[in-house]
Amino acid sequence: MPLLKPPQRGMYQMSEDINAKLQRNRDAIDTIDKQVVQRLNQRVLHDGGADEAQVLAKVAAFNPGPLSDATLQAIYRALMLAGLDPAAQATDPAVTDEIDRSIVQLLSQRVLHAAEIGKIKHANGADYYDPTREAQVMAKIAALNPGPITNGTLQSVYREVISGSIALEKKLVIGYLGPEATYTHQAAIRNFGVSLDYRAIKTIPDVFSEVESGRADYGVVPIENSTEGAVFHSMDMLVESNLHICSQVYLPIEHCLISQSPLDQIKEVRSKDQALGQCREWLLANLPDVILTDVVSTADAVCTAKESATVAAVASELSAQRYDVEIQARGIQDRDDNVTRFLVIGKTRAKPLGEGRDKTSLVISLKDEPGALEKTLRPFASRGINLSKIESRPSRKKAWDYLFFIDFIGHYEDELVQDALAELEGHCSFVKWLGSYPNDNRG
């Protein structure tokens, strides 16, 4: 069967005047970003004595627009979450006010330049969400950063800057496997920021359906966990759907035991099957006699724990806060490096970053012949293309027929990748491109 290829991206030519205008705005943004990074690093070294509420009220008062107050406050929450630097000195509040006013004004200028770029690009068919450009921005601000702020904190700040900029152009709708306060909800916000609209969706197939129909612009679904492995419903839908992968998010998972009652009064622990599996050893050691019940979501488990004093849930701290149930134990996952990978699905085709910074996902079916798997791997090995994952899954078409999901480093448009895929077609009965996207560990 021929390779099921990605749709061709619309090609367009811009006039020299338009390209010059784009470059002027990009240069202006680069200049502003240098100043913002410098000012943010200054800010964490000055303690003006204000608490979080006072700082959030202040930056809203400084806001000249067009960013919303909520976006500016989200930017500052990302900054304050990391806290002041240990070397921070007590400072006259007027000094911190001046720094904060400068940051707000610079960000407002940045958004205006981004809006000008957006108008030009959207008039020529570009998408509002550009994961490749975002990866470039994150790399740029990390390269600009002299410290003491960590790159992770700076990138969290800029995640909200970009989110606010997108929201001014279009309030994208992001569908995610719900309900609210699940890990998938957290992953969606970590990728898109707080300024967009989020819609909790009951099942993974429904997430795909909402995006396919246009009722949601993008969807976020779990695909694999470092402890429990693949999420098969997501894998199956990638095969069946015409949507493709636009981006990925890695979310460290810290599970909590959430209940109204202490451990010695708990009779049942409820959660999603993967969450229970990730805490199997802790539950066996600390609650060996309780009933373990698999439910549709971690948030659903917390709701039940809120209603029943003898029930506990395995879920996130955010779920406990959202549904107002006490945490009886934190960090109960069996591995400290417990991470779940989520995929952003949509109709956007991410452009290549190059230099080994892209990842491509395929699904294939082998011919029923000796050496089929070895012949399938050879096109990659002979070209030095690094396979980062290969996993089998029953095809659900006939007994003992399997699909193989492959991730490798590189982009569909790379010449070596094109050559490998052309050779691959001769050895496989089915090959489908699932997406090429930035290979950053966003999280």
Protein backbone atom coordinates (compact mmCIF):
# COMPACT_ATOMS: atom_id res chain seq x y z
CA MET A 1 0.00 0.00 0.00
CA PRO A 2 1.43 3.43 -0.85
CA LEU A 3 2.52 5.77 1.92
CA LEU A 4 -0.34 7.80 3.37
CA LYS A 5 1.37 11.16 3.09
CA PRO A 6 0.78 14.40 4.96
CA PRO A 7 -1.29 17.02 3.18
CA GLN A 8 0.71 19.46 1.14
CA ARG A 9 1.21 22.78 2.85
CA GLY A 10 -0.13 25.72 0.88
CA MET A 11 2.74 27.50 -0.81
CA TYR A 12 2.67 31.20 -1.25
CA GLN A 13 5.02 33.94 -2.31
CA MET A 14 5.30 37.17 -0.39
CA SER A 15 6.34 40.43 -1.96
CA GLU A 16 9.59 42.05 -0.92
CA ASP A 17 7.62 44.78 0.87
CA ILE A 18 5.74 42.22 2.97
CA ASN A 19 8.91 40.30 3.78
CA ALA A 20 10.59 43.53 4.82
CA LYS A 21 7.66 44.37 7.08
CA LEU A 22 7.81 40.90 8.65
CA GLN A 23 11.52 41.26 9.27
CA ARG A 24 11.12 44.70 10.88
CA ASN A 25 8.61 43.31 13.34
CA ARG A 26 10.75 40.24 14.05
CA ASP A 27 13.78 42.41 14.69
CA ALA A 28 11.72 44.57 17.05
CA ILE A 29 10.57 41.47 18.95
CA ASP A 30 14.17 40.22 19.25
CA THR A 31 15.21 43.57 20.73
CA ILE A 32 12.28 43.56 23.16
CA ASP A 33 12.94 39.96 24.24
CA LYS A 34 16.53 40.85 25.18
CA GLN A 35 15.21 43.64 27.39
CA VAL A 36 12.43 41.51 28.91
CA VAL A 37 14.82 38.70 29.83
CA GLN A 38 17.19 41.24 31.40
CA ARG A 39 14.40 42.91 33.38
CA LEU A 40 12.93 39.62 34.59
CA ASN A 41 16.34 38.61 35.93
CA GLN A 42 16.62 41.98 37.66
CA ARG A 43 13.16 41.54 39.16
CA VAL A 44 13.93 38.31 41.02
CA LEU A 45 16.88 40.02 42.73
CA HIS A 46 14.68 42.76 44.23
CA ASP A 47 12.21 42.20 47.08
CA GLY A 48 9.85 45.13 47.33
CA GLY A 49 7.89 43.52 50.18
CA ALA A 50 4.62 43.04 48.29
CA ASP A 51 2.73 39.74 48.51
CA GLU A 52 1.38 37.86 45.48
CA ALA A 53 -2.03 39.52 45.53
CA GLN A 54 -0.48 42.98 45.70
CA VAL A 55 1.89 42.24 42.80
CA LEU A 56 -0.95 40.88 40.64
CA ALA A 57 -3.10 43.92 41.34
CA LYS A 58 -0.17 46.23 40.56
CA VAL A 59 0.66 44.73 37.17
CA ALA A 60 -3.01 44.90 36.19
CA ALA A 61 -3.01 48.58 37.11
CA PHE A 62 0.12 49.13 34.99
CA ASN A 63 -1.43 47.39 31.97
CA PRO A 64 -1.91 49.69 28.94
CA GLY A 65 -3.27 46.85 26.78
CA PRO A 66 -3.73 45.05 24.49
CA LEU A 67 -2.85 42.07 26.70
CA SER A 68 -5.63 41.21 29.12
CA ASP A 69 -5.10 41.66 32.85
CA ALA A 70 -5.62 37.92 33.26
CA THR A 71 -2.79 37.16 30.84
CA LEU A 72 -0.39 39.57 32.56
CA GLN A 73 -1.27 38.05 35.92
CA ALA A 74 -0.67 34.55 34.53
CA ILE A 75 2.77 35.72 33.33
CA TYR A 76 3.60 37.01 36.81
CA ARG A 77 2.24 33.87 38.50
CA ALA A 78 4.67 31.84 36.39
CA LEU A 79 7.47 34.12 37.57
CA MET A 80 6.40 34.08 41.23
CA LEU A 81 5.97 30.32 41.29
CA ALA A 82 9.75 30.01 41.18
CA GLY A 83 10.10 32.69 43.85
CA LEU A 84 12.71 35.37 44.37
CA ASP A 85 16.35 34.44 44.01
CA PRO A 86 18.08 33.52 47.32
CA ALA A 87 20.36 36.51 46.75
CA ALA A 88 17.42 38.94 46.49
CA GLN A 89 17.78 42.11 48.54
CA ALA A 90 15.09 44.12 50.30
CA THR A 91 14.38 47.07 48.02
CA ASP A 92 12.39 50.28 48.01
CA PRO A 93 8.99 49.37 46.50
CA ALA A 94 9.46 52.20 44.01
CA VAL A 95 12.34 50.26 42.46
CA THR A 96 10.33 47.08 41.96
CA ASP A 97 7.42 49.18 40.67
CA GLU A 98 9.70 50.67 38.03
CA ILE A 99 10.95 47.21 36.96
CA ASP A 100 7.40 45.80 36.82
CA ARG A 101 6.10 48.79 34.86
CA SER A 102 8.94 48.35 32.37
CA ILE A 103 8.24 44.62 31.94
CA VAL A 104 4.52 45.24 31.37
CA GLN A 105 5.20 47.98 28.80
CA LEU A 106 7.75 45.85 26.94
CA LEU A 107 5.38 42.89 26.78
CA SER A 108 2.60 45.14 25.49
CA GLN A 109 4.91 46.38 22.72
CA ARG A 110 5.90 42.81 21.91
CA VAL A 111 2.29 41.75 21.47
CA LEU A 112 1.65 44.61 19.03
CA HIS A 113 4.56 43.48 16.85
CA ALA A 114 3.42 39.85 17.08
CA ALA A 115 -0.06 40.91 15.98
CA GLU A 116 1.37 42.61 12.88
CA ILE A 117 3.24 39.43 11.99
CA GLY A 118 0.10 37.40 12.63
CA LYS A 119 -2.03 39.52 10.31
CA ILE A 120 0.40 39.02 7.43
CA LYS A 121 0.83 35.29 8.00
CA HIS A 122 -2.86 34.53 8.50
CA ALA A 123 -3.75 36.47 5.35
CA ASN A 124 -1.46 34.01 3.57
CA GLY A 125 -2.98 30.87 5.07
CA ALA A 126 -0.81 30.28 8.14
CA ASP A 127 -2.21 28.77 11.33
CA TYR A 128 -2.60 30.75 14.56
CA TYR A 129 -0.73 28.07 16.51
CA ASP A 130 2.81 27.47 15.24
CA PRO A 131 4.63 24.87 17.38
CA THR A 132 7.84 25.20 15.38
CA ARG A 133 8.01 28.97 15.87
CA GLU A 134 7.26 28.53 19.57
CA ALA A 135 10.13 26.06 19.91
CA GLN A 136 12.40 28.62 18.24
CA VAL A 137 11.26 31.35 20.65
CA MET A 138 11.87 29.11 23.67
CA ALA A 139 15.37 28.28 22.43
CA LYS A 140 16.06 31.96 21.80
CA ILE A 141 15.07 33.19 25.25
CA ALA A 142 17.06 30.38 26.88
CA ALA A 143 20.12 31.50 24.88
CA LEU A 144 19.54 35.11 26.02
CA ASN A 145 19.25 34.17 29.68
CA PRO A 146 22.22 35.17 31.90
CA GLY A 147 20.46 34.00 35.09
CA PRO A 148 19.69 33.78 37.91
CA ILE A 149 16.23 32.81 36.57
CA THR A 150 16.19 29.24 35.30
CA ASN A 151 15.41 28.58 31.65
CA GLY A 152 12.38 26.58 32.76
CA THR A 153 10.89 29.58 34.55
CA LEU A 154 11.59 31.88 31.61
CA GLN A 155 9.94 29.43 29.24
CA SER A 156 6.89 29.22 31.52
CA VAL A 157 6.66 33.01 31.42
CA TYR A 158 6.92 33.07 27.63
CA ARG A 159 4.38 30.27 27.33
CA GLU A 160 1.86 32.72 28.80
CA VAL A 161 3.14 35.60 26.64
CA ILE A 162 2.54 33.53 23.49
CA SER A 163 -0.82 32.30 24.79
CA GLY A 164 -1.98 35.87 25.35
CA SER A 165 -0.79 36.88 21.90
CA ILE A 166 -2.71 34.04 20.22
CA ALA A 167 -5.83 34.87 22.23
CA LEU A 168 -5.83 38.42 20.86
CA GLU A 169 -5.96 37.02 17.32
CA LYS A 170 -8.27 34.06 17.91
CA LYS A 171 -9.57 32.45 21.09
CA LEU A 172 -8.59 28.91 20.15
CA VAL A 173 -10.65 26.07 21.62
CA ILE A 174 -8.56 23.27 23.08
CA GLY A 175 -10.31 19.95 23.68
CA TYR A 176 -8.76 17.59 26.21
CA LEU A 177 -9.57 14.28 27.84
CA GLY A 178 -11.56 15.47 30.83
CA PRO A 179 -12.96 16.18 33.28
CA GLU A 180 -11.36 19.33 34.68
CA ALA A 181 -8.20 19.14 36.80
CA THR A 182 -6.97 15.88 35.25
CA TYR A 183 -3.36 15.46 34.21
CA THR A 184 -4.40 15.89 30.58
CA HIS A 185 -5.96 19.25 31.51
CA GLN A 186 -2.66 20.26 33.12
CA ALA A 187 -0.72 19.14 30.03
CA ALA A 188 -3.02 21.18 27.77
CA ILE A 189 -2.44 24.33 29.82
CA ARG A 190 1.28 23.65 29.98
CA ASN A 191 1.39 23.59 26.18
CA PHE A 192 -1.08 26.38 25.33
CA GLY A 193 -1.10 28.65 28.42
CA VAL A 194 -4.10 29.92 30.34
CA SER A 195 -5.42 32.52 27.88
CA LEU A 196 -7.23 30.14 25.50
CA ASP A 197 -10.56 28.32 25.88
CA TYR A 198 -10.50 24.75 27.22
CA ARG A 199 -13.18 22.11 26.78
CA ALA A 200 -13.26 18.90 28.82
CA ILE A 201 -14.27 15.94 26.63
CA LYS A 202 -15.37 12.55 27.97
CA THR A 203 -13.43 10.09 25.82
CA ILE A 204 -10.34 9.98 23.61
CA PRO A 205 -12.38 9.21 20.45
CA ASP A 206 -14.57 12.21 21.27
CA VAL A 207 -11.48 14.46 21.49
CA PHE A 208 -10.54 13.43 17.96
CA SER A 209 -14.13 13.90 16.77
CA GLU A 210 -14.36 17.43 18.19
CA VAL A 211 -11.18 18.49 16.40
CA GLU A 212 -12.13 16.78 13.14
CA SER A 213 -15.49 18.56 13.13
CA GLY A 214 -13.95 21.95 13.88
CA ARG A 215 -15.74 22.35 17.20
CA ALA A 216 -12.26 22.36 18.78
CA ASP A 217 -9.12 23.70 17.13
CA TYR A 218 -6.75 21.24 18.81
CA GLY A 219 -6.96 18.23 21.09
CA VAL A 220 -4.71 16.92 23.85
CA VAL A 221 -4.56 13.20 24.66
CA PRO A 222 -2.19 10.97 26.66
CA ILE A 223 -0.07 8.59 24.59
CA GLU A 224 2.35 6.87 26.99
CA ASN A 225 3.64 6.76 30.54
CA SER A 226 7.20 5.99 31.58
CA THR A 227 5.96 3.41 34.11
CA GLU A 228 2.82 1.87 32.61
CA GLY A 229 3.50 2.19 28.89
CA ALA A 230 1.18 3.06 26.01
CA VAL A 231 -2.35 4.45 26.05
CA PHE A 232 -3.96 2.18 23.47
CA HIS A 233 -7.11 4.23 22.81
CA SER A 234 -4.95 7.12 21.61
CA MET A 235 -2.86 4.82 19.42
CA ASP A 236 -5.95 3.35 17.80
CA MET A 237 -7.41 6.76 17.07
CA LEU A 238 -4.19 7.96 15.43
CA VAL A 239 -4.56 5.10 12.96
CA GLU A 240 -8.22 5.83 12.21
CA SER A 241 -8.19 9.63 12.16
CA ASN A 242 -7.05 12.07 9.49
CA LEU A 243 -5.68 14.39 12.20
CA HIS A 244 -2.00 14.38 12.93
CA ILE A 245 0.41 15.15 15.74
CA CYS A 246 1.37 18.83 16.02
CA SER A 247 3.32 18.83 19.26
CA GLN A 248 4.14 16.82 22.38
CA VAL A 249 4.13 17.57 26.10
CA TYR A 250 6.00 15.71 28.84
CA LEU A 251 4.35 16.09 32.25
CA PRO A 252 6.02 14.84 35.44
CA ILE A 253 3.35 12.98 37.39
CA GLU A 254 3.12 13.27 41.17
CA HIS A 255 0.23 11.26 42.53
CA CYS A 256 -1.46 12.02 45.84
CA LEU A 257 -3.74 9.91 48.00
CA ILE A 258 -6.82 12.09 48.43
CA SER A 259 -9.50 11.36 51.01
CA GLN A 260 -11.56 12.86 53.82
CA SER A 261 -10.21 10.15 56.14
CA PRO A 262 -6.80 8.94 57.35
CA LEU A 263 -5.32 5.77 55.89
CA ASP A 264 -6.63 3.40 58.59
CA GLN A 265 -10.25 4.29 57.69
CA ILE A 266 -9.95 3.84 53.91
CA LYS A 267 -11.68 0.77 52.44
CA GLU A 268 -11.47 1.52 48.71
CA VAL A 269 -9.04 3.39 46.43
CA ARG A 270 -10.35 4.61 43.10
CA SER A 271 -8.53 6.03 40.08
CA LYS A 272 -7.83 5.54 36.41
CA ASP A 273 -6.15 2.21 35.65
CA GLN A 274 -2.84 3.80 34.70
CA ALA A 275 -2.71 5.88 37.89
CA LEU A 276 -3.38 2.81 40.04
CA GLY A 277 -0.67 0.92 38.16
CA GLN A 278 1.84 3.70 38.74
CA CYS A 279 1.24 3.48 42.51
CA ARG A 280 0.90 -0.31 42.80
CA GLU A 281 3.83 -0.89 45.17
CA TRP A 282 2.95 2.01 47.48
CA LEU A 283 -0.67 0.88 47.72
CA LEU A 284 0.37 -2.70 48.45
CA ALA A 285 2.75 -1.56 51.20
CA ASN A 286 0.45 1.02 52.84
CA LEU A 287 -3.09 -0.14 52.03
CA PRO A 288 -2.75 -3.89 51.39
CA ASP A 289 -6.37 -4.80 52.13
CA VAL A 290 -8.30 -2.09 50.28
CA ILE A 291 -10.33 -2.59 47.13
CA LEU A 292 -8.77 -1.00 44.02
CA THR A 293 -11.38 0.29 41.57
CA ASP A 294 -10.64 1.49 38.04
CA VAL A 295 -12.76 4.50 37.05
CA VAL A 296 -12.99 6.72 33.98
CA SER A 297 -10.73 9.51 35.30
CA THR A 298 -8.69 10.65 38.28
CA ALA A 299 -11.05 13.61 38.74
CA ASP A 300 -14.06 11.26 38.87
CA ALA A 301 -12.28 9.34 41.64
CA VAL A 302 -11.78 12.54 43.67
CA CYS A 303 -15.48 13.40 43.34
CA THR A 304 -16.37 10.01 44.81
CA ALA A 305 -13.84 10.48 47.61
CA LYS A 306 -15.52 13.78 48.43
CA GLU A 307 -18.87 11.99 48.82
CA SER A 308 -17.69 8.90 50.72
CA ALA A 309 -15.49 8.97 53.82
CA THR A 310 -14.15 5.44 53.27
CA VAL A 311 -13.03 6.07 49.68
CA ALA A 312 -9.70 7.53 48.60
CA ALA A 313 -8.59 8.70 45.16
CA VAL A 314 -5.22 8.64 43.44
CA ALA A 315 -4.96 11.95 41.63
CA SER A 316 -3.08 15.24 41.40
CA GLU A 317 -2.78 18.05 43.93
CA LEU A 318 -4.74 20.20 41.46
CA SER A 319 -7.67 17.77 41.62
CA ALA A 320 -7.63 17.88 45.42
CA GLN A 321 -7.73 21.68 45.32
CA ARG A 322 -10.37 21.78 42.58
CA TYR A 323 -12.78 19.51 44.48
CA ASP A 324 -11.77 20.56 48.02
CA VAL A 325 -10.70 17.18 49.40
CA GLU A 326 -7.74 16.70 51.75
CA ILE A 327 -4.46 15.11 50.69
CA GLN A 328 -3.47 12.23 53.00
CA ALA A 329 -0.17 11.37 51.28
CA ARG A 330 1.92 12.98 48.52
CA GLY A 331 4.30 11.50 45.96
CA ILE A 332 2.90 7.98 46.18
CA GLN A 333 3.98 6.97 42.65
CA ASP A 334 6.42 4.07 42.64
CA ARG A 335 9.02 5.91 40.57
CA ASP A 336 10.27 9.46 41.04
CA ASP A 337 10.82 9.76 37.29
CA ASN A 338 7.15 9.04 36.53
CA VAL A 339 6.38 11.05 33.38
CA THR A 340 3.46 10.96 30.96
CA ARG A 341 3.79 12.04 27.35
CA PHE A 342 0.83 13.80 25.79
CA LEU A 343 0.16 14.62 22.14
CA VAL A 344 -1.38 17.74 20.66
CA ILE A 345 -3.49 16.68 17.68
CA GLY A 346 -4.93 18.90 14.98
CA LYS A 347 -4.78 19.92 11.34
CA THR A 348 -1.65 22.06 11.69
CA ARG A 349 1.47 20.74 9.99
CA ALA A 350 4.57 21.75 11.96
CA LYS A 351 7.47 23.03 9.91
CA PRO A 352 10.95 21.51 10.37
CA LEU A 353 13.35 22.86 12.97
CA GLY A 354 16.30 20.88 11.62
CA GLU A 355 19.54 19.86 13.35
CA GLY A 356 17.96 16.80 14.95
CA ARG A 357 15.31 18.83 16.77
CA ASP A 358 12.29 17.22 15.07
CA LYS A 359 10.49 13.97 15.72
CA THR A 360 8.33 12.02 13.27
CA SER A 361 5.74 9.36 14.10
CA LEU A 362 4.60 6.61 11.74
CA VAL A 363 2.38 3.55 11.93
CA ILE A 364 3.14 0.61 9.65
CA SER A 365 1.98 -2.92 8.94
CA LEU A 366 4.51 -5.55 7.87
CA LYS A 367 4.18 -7.97 4.99
CA ASP A 368 3.73 -11.58 6.10
CA GLU A 369 7.16 -12.84 5.05
CA PRO A 370 10.44 -13.91 6.68
CA GLY A 371 12.70 -11.05 7.77
CA ALA A 372 9.94 -8.45 7.38
CA LEU A 373 10.86 -6.51 10.53
CA GLU A 374 14.57 -6.49 9.70
CA LYS A 375 13.80 -5.19 6.19
CA THR A 376 11.61 -2.48 7.75
CA LEU A 377 14.34 -1.26 10.09
CA ARG A 378 17.09 -1.29 7.46
CA PRO A 379 16.04 1.93 5.65
CA PHE A 380 16.48 3.84 8.91
CA ALA A 381 19.67 2.14 10.11
CA SER A 382 21.44 2.48 6.77
CA ARG A 383 20.88 6.25 6.83
CA GLY A 384 21.76 6.79 10.49
CA ILE A 385 18.19 7.77 11.42
CA ASN A 386 17.67 7.23 15.14
CA LEU A 387 14.53 5.30 16.10
CA SER A 388 13.42 6.50 19.53
CA LYS A 389 10.46 4.14 19.85
CA ILE A 390 8.93 1.08 18.23
CA GLU A 391 5.83 -0.53 19.69
CA SER A 392 3.39 -3.12 18.41
CA ARG A 393 -0.39 -3.07 18.67
CA PRO A 394 -2.99 -5.57 17.34
CA SER A 395 -4.49 -4.24 14.13
CA ARG A 396 -8.02 -5.32 15.23
CA LYS A 397 -8.64 -6.47 11.65
CA LYS A 398 -7.63 -10.11 11.98
CA ALA A 399 -6.06 -12.36 14.60
CA TRP A 400 -2.29 -12.05 15.10
CA ASP A 401 -2.02 -9.12 12.70
CA TYR A 402 -0.05 -6.23 14.20
CA LEU A 403 0.62 -2.57 13.57
CA PHE A 404 3.96 -1.06 14.55
CA PHE A 405 4.17 2.50 15.86
CA ILE A 406 7.54 4.10 15.18
CA ASP A 407 9.02 7.39 16.40
CA PHE A 408 12.29 8.61 14.94
CA ILE A 409 14.43 11.75 15.00
CA GLY A 410 13.93 13.82 11.88
CA HIS A 411 11.19 15.58 9.92
CA TYR A 412 9.06 14.22 7.10
CA GLU A 413 10.49 16.86 4.75
CA ASP A 414 14.14 15.90 5.42
CA GLU A 415 15.80 14.38 2.35
CA LEU A 416 17.13 11.37 4.27
CA VAL A 417 13.69 10.72 5.75
CA GLN A 418 12.07 10.94 2.32
CA ASP A 419 14.55 8.38 0.96
CA ALA A 420 13.97 6.06 3.93
CA LEU A 421 10.19 6.22 3.56
CA ALA A 422 10.39 5.54 -0.17
CA GLU A 423 12.39 2.37 0.58
CA LEU A 424 10.04 1.49 3.43
CA GLU A 425 7.04 1.35 1.11
CA GLY A 426 8.56 -1.67 -0.63
CA HIS A 427 8.65 -3.67 2.59
CA CYS A 428 5.32 -2.74 4.21
CA SER A 429 1.69 -3.35 3.33
CA PHE A 430 0.65 -0.15 5.13
CA VAL A 431 2.53 3.03 6.06
CA LYS A 432 0.87 6.11 7.55
CA TRP A 433 2.57 9.36 8.55
CA LEU A 434 1.15 10.51 11.89
CA GLY A 435 3.00 13.79 12.21
CA SER A 436 6.34 15.60 12.41
CA TYR A 437 6.78 18.04 15.28
CA PRO A 438 9.36 19.68 17.56
CA ASN A 439 11.26 17.17 19.66
CA ASP A 440 11.38 19.35 22.75
CA ASN A 441 10.53 17.99 26.18
CA ARG A 442 7.97 20.67 26.82
CA GLY A 443 6.96 20.41 30.40
